[in-house]
């Protein structure tokens, strides 16, 4: 990840309370699929390529929710969505 894609800790913490509030702190591949609306194959690609940080225990991935949020924010920055106020949707 390049320096221009680093997410400020303050923004990350603010998003943590807003995004995926109904999910546990550590999610499974199936939950990741639902969170991002992607296929199982795409989820494993993201994990295998290191796009989303995870722990592999045996044959199961354990994915910290904060890493999913970091991935979304990083990719939103690249797409021109960074800096938008997430609370303005309310």
PDB file of N, CA and C in Angstrom:
ATOM      1  N   UNK A   1       0.853  -1.184   0.000  1.00  0.00           N
ATOM      2  CA  UNK A   1       0.000   0.000   0.000  1.00  0.00           C
ATOM      3  C   UNK A   1       0.888   1.234   0.000  1.00  0.00           C
ATOM      4  N   UNK A   2       0.653   2.157  -0.890  1.00  0.00           N
ATOM      5  CA  UNK A   2       1.474   3.361  -0.959  1.00  0.00           C
ATOM      6  C   UNK A   2       1.009   4.384   0.067  1.00  0.00           C
ATOM      7  N   UNK A   3       1.871   5.363   0.339  1.00  0.00           N
ATOM      8  CA  UNK A   3       1.570   6.371   1.349  1.00  0.00           C
ATOM      9  C   UNK A   3       0.317   7.169   1.024  1.00  0.00           C
ATOM     10  N   UNK A   4       0.035   7.363  -0.266  1.00  0.00           N
ATOM     11  CA  UNK A   4      -1.146   8.155  -0.609  1.00  0.00           C
ATOM     12  C   UNK A   4      -2.448   7.418  -0.299  1.00  0.00           C
ATOM     13  N   UNK A   5      -2.366   6.103  -0.013  1.00  0.00           N
ATOM     14  CA  UNK A   5      -3.560   5.332   0.277  1.00  0.00           C
ATOM     15  C   UNK A   5      -3.727   5.028   1.763  1.00  0.00           C
ATOM     16  N   UNK A   6      -2.877   5.606   2.607  1.00  0.00           N
ATOM     17  CA  UNK A   6      -3.024   5.389   4.040  1.00  0.00           C
ATOM     18  C   UNK A   6      -4.265   6.112   4.545  1.00  0.00           C
ATOM     19  N   UNK A   7      -5.037   5.423   5.342  1.00  0.00           N
ATOM     20  CA  UNK A   7      -6.267   5.981   5.902  1.00  0.00           C
ATOM     21  C   UNK A   7      -5.938   6.553   7.277  1.00  0.00           C
ATOM     22  N   UNK A   8      -6.291   7.817   7.516  1.00  0.00           N
ATOM     23  CA  UNK A   8      -6.049   8.383   8.850  1.00  0.00           C
ATOM     24  C   UNK A   8      -6.771   7.570   9.920  1.00  0.00           C
ATOM     25  N   UNK A   9      -6.096   7.353  11.031  1.00  0.00           N
ATOM     26  CA  UNK A   9      -6.650   6.545  12.126  1.00  0.00           C
ATOM     27  C   UNK A   9      -7.996   7.088  12.608  1.00  0.00           C
ATOM     28  N   UNK A  10      -8.132   8.401  12.636  1.00  0.00           N
ATOM     29  CA  UNK A  10      -9.380   9.029  13.086  1.00  0.00           C
ATOM     30  C   UNK A  10     -10.547   8.642  12.158  1.00  0.00           C
ATOM     31  N   UNK A  11     -10.292   8.666  10.860  1.00  0.00           N
ATOM     32  CA  UNK A  11     -11.328   8.302   9.893  1.00  0.00           C
ATOM     33  C   UNK A  11     -11.673   6.815   9.999  1.00  0.00           C
ATOM     34  N   UNK A  12     -10.652   6.004  10.193  1.00  0.00           N
ATOM     35  CA  UNK A  12     -10.854   4.572  10.318  1.00  0.00           C
ATOM     36  C   UNK A  12     -11.712   4.245  11.540  1.00  0.00           C
ATOM     37  N   UNK A  13     -11.420   4.885  12.663  1.00  0.00           N
ATOM     38  CA  UNK A  13     -12.193   4.658  13.896  1.00  0.00           C
ATOM     39  C   UNK A  13     -13.633   5.133  13.739  1.00  0.00           C
ATOM     40  N   UNK A  14     -13.830   6.260  13.071  1.00  0.00           N
ATOM     41  CA  UNK A  14     -15.181   6.769  12.856  1.00  0.00           C
ATOM     42  C   UNK A  14     -15.990   5.806  11.992  1.00  0.00           C
ATOM     43  N   UNK A  15     -15.375   5.268  10.972  1.00  0.00           N
ATOM     44  CA  UNK A  15     -16.053   4.341  10.067  1.00  0.00           C
ATOM     45  C   UNK A  15     -16.341   3.008  10.731  1.00  0.00           C
ATOM     46  N   UNK A  16     -15.493   2.615  11.665  1.00  0.00           N
ATOM     47  CA  UNK A  16     -15.671   1.323  12.324  1.00  0.00           C
ATOM     48  C   UNK A  16     -17.018   1.250  13.038  1.00  0.00           C
ATOM     49  N   UNK A  17     -17.430   2.360  13.626  1.00  0.00           N
ATOM     50  CA  UNK A  17     -18.713   2.390  14.323  1.00  0.00           C
ATOM     51  C   UNK A  17     -19.904   2.495  13.395  1.00  0.00           C
ATOM     52  N   UNK A  18     -19.665   2.875  12.140  1.00  0.00           N
ATOM     53  CA  UNK A  18     -20.765   3.081  11.199  1.00  0.00           C
ATOM     54  C   UNK A  18     -20.948   1.930  10.209  1.00  0.00           C
ATOM     55  N   UNK A  19     -19.847   1.379   9.748  1.00  0.00           N
ATOM     56  CA  UNK A  19     -19.918   0.358   8.712  1.00  0.00           C
ATOM     57  C   UNK A  19     -19.988  -1.044   9.310  1.00  0.00           C
ATOM     58  N   UNK A  20     -20.886  -1.840   8.819  1.00  0.00           N
ATOM     59  CA  UNK A  20     -21.005  -3.250   9.208  1.00  0.00           C
ATOM     60  C   UNK A  20     -21.185  -3.427  10.713  1.00  0.00           C
ATOM     61  N   UNK A  21     -21.986  -2.576  11.311  1.00  0.00           N
ATOM     62  CA  UNK A  21     -22.199  -2.629  12.759  1.00  0.00           C
ATOM     63  C   UNK A  21     -22.803  -3.953  13.213  1.00  0.00           C
ATOM     64  N   UNK A  22     -23.521  -4.630  12.336  1.00  0.00           N
ATOM     65  CA  UNK A  22     -24.168  -5.891  12.701  1.00  0.00           C
ATOM     66  C   UNK A  22     -23.237  -7.102  12.592  1.00  0.00           C
ATOM     67  N   UNK A  23     -22.005  -6.871  12.172  1.00  0.00           N
ATOM     68  CA  UNK A  23     -21.055  -7.967  12.021  1.00  0.00           C
ATOM     69  C   UNK A  23     -20.099  -8.020  13.199  1.00  0.00           C
ATOM     70  N   UNK A  24     -19.584  -9.218  13.520  1.00  0.00           N
ATOM     71  CA  UNK A  24     -18.617  -9.323  14.620  1.00  0.00           C
ATOM     72  C   UNK A  24     -17.284  -8.690  14.235  1.00  0.00           C
ATOM     73  N   UNK A  25     -16.402  -8.553  15.203  1.00  0.00           N
ATOM     74  CA  UNK A  25     -15.086  -7.942  14.967  1.00  0.00           C
ATOM     75  C   UNK A  25     -14.207  -8.783  14.043  1.00  0.00           C
ATOM     76  N   UNK A  26     -14.423 -10.083  14.038  1.00  0.00           N
ATOM     77  CA  UNK A  26     -13.692 -10.988  13.162  1.00  0.00           C
ATOM     78  C   UNK A  26     -14.726 -11.761  12.346  1.00  0.00           C
ATOM     79  N   UNK A  27     -14.599 -11.678  11.028  1.00  0.00           N
ATOM     80  CA  UNK A  27     -15.606 -12.281  10.157  1.00  0.00           C
ATOM     81  C   UNK A  27     -15.039 -13.459   9.370  1.00  0.00           C
ATOM     82  N   UNK A  28     -15.948 -14.243   8.807  1.00  0.00           N
ATOM     83  CA  UNK A  28     -15.585 -15.401   7.986  1.00  0.00           C
ATOM     84  C   UNK A  28     -15.608 -14.999   6.512  1.00  0.00           C
ATOM     85  N   UNK A  29     -15.176 -15.902   5.667  1.00  0.00           N
ATOM     86  CA  UNK A  29     -15.210 -15.649   4.225  1.00  0.00           C
ATOM     87  C   UNK A  29     -16.653 -15.458   3.768  1.00  0.00           C
ATOM     88  N   UNK A  30     -17.562 -16.256   4.281  1.00  0.00           N
ATOM     89  CA  UNK A  30     -18.976 -16.112   3.904  1.00  0.00           C
ATOM     90  C   UNK A  30     -19.514 -14.727   4.286  1.00  0.00           C
ATOM     91  N   UNK A  31     -19.152 -14.262   5.477  1.00  0.00           N
ATOM     92  CA  UNK A  31     -19.581 -12.928   5.896  1.00  0.00           C
ATOM     93  C   UNK A  31     -18.928 -11.855   5.030  1.00  0.00           C
ATOM     94  N   UNK A  32     -17.666 -12.048   4.680  1.00  0.00           N
ATOM     95  CA  UNK A  32     -16.976 -11.110   3.789  1.00  0.00           C
ATOM     96  C   UNK A  32     -17.710 -11.009   2.457  1.00  0.00           C
ATOM     97  N   UNK A  33     -18.133 -12.152   1.925  1.00  0.00           N
ATOM     98  CA  UNK A  33     -18.885 -12.171   0.675  1.00  0.00           C
ATOM     99  C   UNK A  33     -20.137 -11.297   0.784  1.00  0.00           C
ATOM    100  N   UNK A  34     -20.854 -11.459   1.877  1.00  0.00           N
ATOM    101  CA  UNK A  34     -22.091 -10.695   2.090  1.00  0.00           C
ATOM    102  C   UNK A  34     -21.788  -9.214   2.268  1.00  0.00           C
ATOM    103  N   UNK A  35     -20.761  -8.900   3.032  1.00  0.00           N
ATOM    104  CA  UNK A  35     -20.404  -7.509   3.299  1.00  0.00           C
ATOM    105  C   UNK A  35     -20.093  -6.761   2.005  1.00  0.00           C
ATOM    106  N   UNK A  36     -19.339  -7.420   1.120  1.00  0.00           N
ATOM    107  CA  UNK A  36     -18.885  -6.753  -0.104  1.00  0.00           C
ATOM    108  C   UNK A  36     -19.752  -7.079  -1.316  1.00  0.00           C
ATOM    109  N   UNK A  37     -20.671  -8.030  -1.169  1.00  0.00           N
ATOM    110  CA  UNK A  37     -21.521  -8.408  -2.292  1.00  0.00           C
ATOM    111  C   UNK A  37     -20.722  -9.047  -3.417  1.00  0.00           C
ATOM    112  N   UNK A  38     -19.794  -9.949  -3.046  1.00  0.00           N
ATOM    113  CA  UNK A  38     -18.915 -10.582  -4.027  1.00  0.00           C
ATOM    114  C   UNK A  38     -19.050 -12.104  -3.956  1.00  0.00           C
ATOM    115  N   UNK A  39     -18.506 -12.766  -4.956  1.00  0.00           N
ATOM    116  CA  UNK A  39     -18.542 -14.226  -4.992  1.00  0.00           C
ATOM    117  C   UNK A  39     -17.500 -14.809  -4.043  1.00  0.00           C
ATOM    118  N   UNK A  40     -17.628 -16.091  -3.782  1.00  0.00           N
ATOM    119  CA  UNK A  40     -16.657 -16.788  -2.945  1.00  0.00           C
ATOM    120  C   UNK A  40     -15.270 -16.740  -3.592  1.00  0.00           C
ATOM    121  N   UNK A  41     -15.239 -16.936  -4.890  1.00  0.00           N
ATOM    122  CA  UNK A  41     -13.970 -16.902  -5.624  1.00  0.00           C
ATOM    123  C   UNK A  41     -13.303 -15.525  -5.489  1.00  0.00           C
ATOM    124  N   UNK A  42     -14.075 -14.463  -5.642  1.00  0.00           N
ATOM    125  CA  UNK A  42     -13.533 -13.104  -5.512  1.00  0.00           C
ATOM    126  C   UNK A  42     -13.027 -12.854  -4.089  1.00  0.00           C
ATOM    127  N   UNK A  43     -13.747 -13.365  -3.092  1.00  0.00           N
ATOM    128  CA  UNK A  43     -13.323 -13.197  -1.702  1.00  0.00           C
ATOM    129  C   UNK A  43     -11.980 -13.874  -1.466  1.00  0.00           C
ATOM    130  N   UNK A  44     -11.840 -15.101  -1.955  1.00  0.00           N
ATOM    131  CA  UNK A  44     -10.568 -15.813  -1.790  1.00  0.00           C
ATOM    132  C   UNK A  44      -9.443 -15.143  -2.579  1.00  0.00           C
ATOM    133  N   UNK A  45      -9.767 -14.553  -3.717  1.00  0.00           N
ATOM    134  CA  UNK A  45      -8.753 -13.805  -4.475  1.00  0.00           C
ATOM    135  C   UNK A  45      -8.242 -12.616  -3.666  1.00  0.00           C
ATOM    136  N   UNK A  46      -9.154 -11.853  -3.063  1.00  0.00           N
ATOM    137  CA  UNK A  46      -8.761 -10.694  -2.259  1.00  0.00           C
ATOM    138  C   UNK A  46      -7.887 -11.111  -1.079  1.00  0.00           C
ATOM    139  N   UNK A  47      -8.244 -12.212  -0.447  1.00  0.00           N
ATOM    140  CA  UNK A  47      -7.476 -12.697   0.696  1.00  0.00           C
ATOM    141  C   UNK A  47      -6.125 -13.255   0.249  1.00  0.00           C
ATOM    142  N   UNK A  48      -6.128 -14.040  -0.803  1.00  0.00           N
ATOM    143  CA  UNK A  48      -4.897 -14.663  -1.290  1.00  0.00           C
ATOM    144  C   UNK A  48      -3.884 -13.660  -1.806  1.00  0.00           C
ATOM    145  N   UNK A  49      -4.374 -12.572  -2.400  1.00  0.00           N
ATOM    146  CA  UNK A  49      -3.489 -11.534  -2.927  1.00  0.00           C
ATOM    147  C   UNK A  49      -3.065 -10.534  -1.854  1.00  0.00           C
ATOM    148  N   UNK A  50      -3.616 -10.684  -0.649  1.00  0.00           N
ATOM    149  CA  UNK A  50      -3.265  -9.784   0.438  1.00  0.00           C
ATOM    150  C   UNK A  50      -3.959  -8.434   0.377  1.00  0.00           C
ATOM    151  N   UNK A  51      -4.967  -8.311  -0.460  1.00  0.00           N
ATOM    152  CA  UNK A  51      -5.718  -7.056  -0.551  1.00  0.00           C
ATOM    153  C   UNK A  51      -6.470  -6.782   0.750  1.00  0.00           C
ATOM    154  N   UNK A  52      -6.930  -7.846   1.382  1.00  0.00           N
ATOM    155  CA  UNK A  52      -7.578  -7.756   2.696  1.00  0.00           C
ATOM    156  C   UNK A  52      -6.778  -8.648   3.623  1.00  0.00           C
ATOM    157  N   UNK A  53      -6.245  -8.053   4.675  1.00  0.00           N
ATOM    158  CA  UNK A  53      -5.443  -8.808   5.629  1.00  0.00           C
ATOM    159  C   UNK A  53      -6.285  -9.774   6.434  1.00  0.00           C
ATOM    160  N   UNK A  54      -5.771 -10.981   6.607  1.00  0.00           N
ATOM    161  CA  UNK A  54      -6.492 -12.004   7.353  1.00  0.00           C
ATOM    162  C   UNK A  54      -5.508 -12.996   7.940  1.00  0.00           C
ATOM    163  N   UNK A  55      -6.000 -13.762   8.888  1.00  0.00           N
ATOM    164  CA  UNK A  55      -5.236 -14.848   9.482  1.00  0.00           C
ATOM    165  C   UNK A  55      -5.785 -16.150   8.932  1.00  0.00           C
ATOM    166  N   UNK A  56      -4.928 -17.059   8.584  1.00  0.00           N
ATOM    167  CA  UNK A  56      -5.397 -18.362   8.136  1.00  0.00           C
ATOM    168  C   UNK A  56      -5.080 -19.365   9.235  1.00  0.00           C
ATOM    169  N   UNK A  57      -6.125 -19.928   9.811  1.00  0.00           N
ATOM    170  CA  UNK A  57      -5.987 -20.928  10.866  1.00  0.00           C
ATOM    171  C   UNK A  57      -6.475 -22.251  10.300  1.00  0.00           C
ATOM    172  N   UNK A  58      -5.543 -23.149  10.077  1.00  0.00           N
ATOM    173  CA  UNK A  58      -5.906 -24.402   9.405  1.00  0.00           C
ATOM    174  C   UNK A  58      -6.316 -24.079   7.986  1.00  0.00           C
ATOM    175  N   UNK A  59      -7.540 -24.438   7.642  1.00  0.00           N
ATOM    176  CA  UNK A  59      -8.028 -24.112   6.306  1.00  0.00           C
ATOM    177  C   UNK A  59      -9.073 -22.997   6.327  1.00  0.00           C
ATOM    178  N   UNK A  60      -9.197 -22.303   7.461  1.00  0.00           N
ATOM    179  CA  UNK A  60     -10.198 -21.235   7.593  1.00  0.00           C
ATOM    180  C   UNK A  60      -9.525 -19.874   7.747  1.00  0.00           C
ATOM    181  N   UNK A  61     -10.085 -18.885   7.079  1.00  0.00           N
ATOM    182  CA  UNK A  61      -9.627 -17.507   7.230  1.00  0.00           C
ATOM    183  C   UNK A  61     -10.400 -16.824   8.352  1.00  0.00           C
ATOM    184  N   UNK A  62      -9.702 -16.056   9.141  1.00  0.00           N
ATOM    185  CA  UNK A  62     -10.296 -15.183  10.156  1.00  0.00           C
ATOM    186  C   UNK A  62      -9.924 -13.761   9.742  1.00  0.00           C
ATOM    187  N   UNK A  63     -10.933 -12.955   9.457  1.00  0.00           N
ATOM    188  CA  UNK A  63     -10.716 -11.650   8.846  1.00  0.00           C
ATOM    189  C   UNK A  63     -11.158 -10.549   9.805  1.00  0.00           C
ATOM    190  N   UNK A  64     -10.234  -9.755  10.323  1.00  0.00           N
ATOM    191  CA  UNK A  64     -10.638  -8.632  11.172  1.00  0.00           C
ATOM    192  C   UNK A  64     -11.508  -7.653  10.369  1.00  0.00           C
ATOM    193  N   UNK A  65     -12.628  -7.300  10.941  1.00  0.00           N
ATOM    194  CA  UNK A  65     -13.558  -6.382  10.269  1.00  0.00           C
ATOM    195  C   UNK A  65     -12.874  -5.070   9.912  1.00  0.00           C
ATOM    196  N   UNK A  66     -11.949  -4.623  10.745  1.00  0.00           N
ATOM    197  CA  UNK A  66     -11.247  -3.369  10.477  1.00  0.00           C
ATOM    198  C   UNK A  66     -10.477  -3.451   9.161  1.00  0.00           C
ATOM    199  N   UNK A  67     -10.001  -4.635   8.794  1.00  0.00           N
ATOM    200  CA  UNK A  67      -9.283  -4.795   7.533  1.00  0.00           C
ATOM    201  C   UNK A  67     -10.221  -4.689   6.332  1.00  0.00           C
ATOM    202  N   UNK A  68     -11.454  -5.135   6.498  1.00  0.00           N
ATOM    203  CA  UNK A  68     -12.452  -4.993   5.431  1.00  0.00           C
ATOM    204  C   UNK A  68     -12.780  -3.513   5.242  1.00  0.00           C
ATOM    205  N   UNK A  69     -12.946  -2.805   6.340  1.00  0.00           N
ATOM    206  CA  UNK A  69     -13.239  -1.369   6.277  1.00  0.00           C
ATOM    207  C   UNK A  69     -12.059  -0.621   5.672  1.00  0.00           C
ATOM    208  N   UNK A  70     -10.846  -0.969   6.073  1.00  0.00           N
ATOM    209  CA  UNK A  70      -9.640  -0.335   5.516  1.00  0.00           C
ATOM    210  C   UNK A  70      -9.585  -0.562   4.000  1.00  0.00           C
ATOM    211  N   UNK A  71      -9.903  -1.773   3.563  1.00  0.00           N
ATOM    212  CA  UNK A  71      -9.917  -2.090   2.133  1.00  0.00           C
ATOM    213  C   UNK A  71     -10.933  -1.217   1.401  1.00  0.00           C
ATOM    214  N   UNK A  72     -12.126  -1.098   1.963  1.00  0.00           N
ATOM    215  CA  UNK A  72     -13.161  -0.270   1.323  1.00  0.00           C
ATOM    216  C   UNK A  72     -12.745   1.191   1.246  1.00  0.00           C
ATOM    217  N   UNK A  73     -12.219   1.712   2.331  1.00  0.00           N
ATOM    218  CA  UNK A  73     -11.819   3.123   2.350  1.00  0.00           C
ATOM    219  C   UNK A  73     -10.667   3.387   1.393  1.00  0.00           C
ATOM    220  N   UNK A  74      -9.726   2.472   1.330  1.00  0.00           N
ATOM    221  CA  UNK A  74      -8.594   2.621   0.427  1.00  0.00           C
ATOM    222  C   UNK A  74      -9.067   2.638  -1.020  1.00  0.00           C
ATOM    223  N   UNK A  75      -9.964   1.737  -1.350  1.00  0.00           N
ATOM    224  CA  UNK A  75     -10.468   1.670  -2.721  1.00  0.00           C
ATOM    225  C   UNK A  75     -11.422   2.811  -3.020  1.00  0.00           C
ATOM    226  N   UNK A  76     -12.122   3.302  -2.019  1.00  0.00           N
ATOM    227  CA  UNK A  76     -12.990   4.461  -2.216  1.00  0.00           C
ATOM    228  C   UNK A  76     -12.141   5.693  -2.496  1.00  0.00           C
ATOM    229  N   UNK A  77     -10.979   5.793  -1.838  1.00  0.00           N
ATOM    230  CA  UNK A  77     -10.066   6.910  -2.087  1.00  0.00           C
ATOM    231  C   UNK A  77      -9.633   6.909  -3.538  1.00  0.00           C
ATOM    232  N   UNK A  78      -9.275   5.747  -4.043  1.00  0.00           N
ATOM    233  CA  UNK A  78      -8.836   5.629  -5.422  1.00  0.00           C
ATOM    234  C   UNK A  78      -9.939   5.952  -6.406  1.00  0.00           C
ATOM    235  N   UNK A  79     -11.190   5.740  -5.990  1.00  0.00           N
ATOM    236  CA  UNK A  79     -12.332   5.998  -6.869  1.00  0.00           C
ATOM    237  C   UNK A  79     -12.866   7.419  -6.718  1.00  0.00           C
ATOM    238  N   UNK A  80     -12.267   8.204  -5.826  1.00  0.00           N
ATOM    239  CA  UNK A  80     -12.683   9.588  -5.666  1.00  0.00           C
ATOM    240  C   UNK A  80     -13.774   9.808  -4.635  1.00  0.00           C
ATOM    241  N   UNK A  81     -14.002   8.824  -3.743  1.00  0.00           N
ATOM    242  CA  UNK A  81     -15.054   8.962  -2.747  1.00  0.00           C
ATOM    243  C   UNK A  81     -14.533   9.367  -1.380  1.00  0.00           C
ATOM    244  N   UNK A  82     -13.224   9.399  -1.202  1.00  0.00           N
ATOM    245  CA  UNK A  82     -12.650   9.725   0.110  1.00  0.00           C
ATOM    246  C   UNK A  82     -13.033  11.137   0.512  1.00  0.00           C
ATOM    247  N   UNK A  83     -13.211  11.294   1.811  1.00  0.00           N
ATOM    248  CA  UNK A  83     -13.525  12.608   2.326  1.00  0.00           C
ATOM    249  C   UNK A  83     -15.016  12.909   2.371  1.00  0.00           C
ATOM    250  N   UNK A  84     -15.824  12.062   1.783  1.00  0.00           N
ATOM    251  CA  UNK A  84     -17.260  12.280   1.866  1.00  0.00           C
ATOM    252  C   UNK A  84     -17.706  11.948   3.272  1.00  0.00           C
ATOM    253  N   UNK A  85     -18.647  12.707   3.785  1.00  0.00           N
ATOM    254  CA  UNK A  85     -19.137  12.512   5.133  1.00  0.00           C
ATOM    255  C   UNK A  85     -20.129  11.360   5.139  1.00  0.00           C
ATOM    256  N   UNK A  86     -19.747  10.253   5.810  1.00  0.00           N
ATOM    257  CA  UNK A  86     -20.608   9.081   5.861  1.00  0.00           C
ATOM    258  C   UNK A  86     -21.879   9.338   6.651  1.00  0.00           C
ATOM    259  N   UNK A  87     -21.845  10.285   7.590  1.00  0.00           N
ATOM    260  CA  UNK A  87     -23.014  10.563   8.402  1.00  0.00           C
ATOM    261  C   UNK A  87     -24.029  11.421   7.669  1.00  0.00           C
ATOM    262  N   UNK A  88     -23.662  12.028   6.553  1.00  0.00           N
ATOM    263  CA  UNK A  88     -24.585  12.895   5.829  1.00  0.00           C
ATOM    264  C   UNK A  88     -25.708  12.117   5.171  1.00  0.00           C
ATOM    265  N   UNK A  89     -25.571  10.758   5.112  1.00  0.00           N
ATOM    266  CA  UNK A  89     -26.609   9.935   4.531  1.00  0.00           C
ATOM    267  C   UNK A  89     -27.808   9.820   5.439  1.00  0.00           C
ATOM    268  N   UNK A  90     -27.642  10.125   6.728  1.00  0.00           N
ATOM    269  CA  UNK A  90     -28.724   9.981   7.710  1.00  0.00           C
ATOM    270  C   UNK A  90     -29.797  11.028   7.515  1.00  0.00           C
TER     271      UNK A  90
END
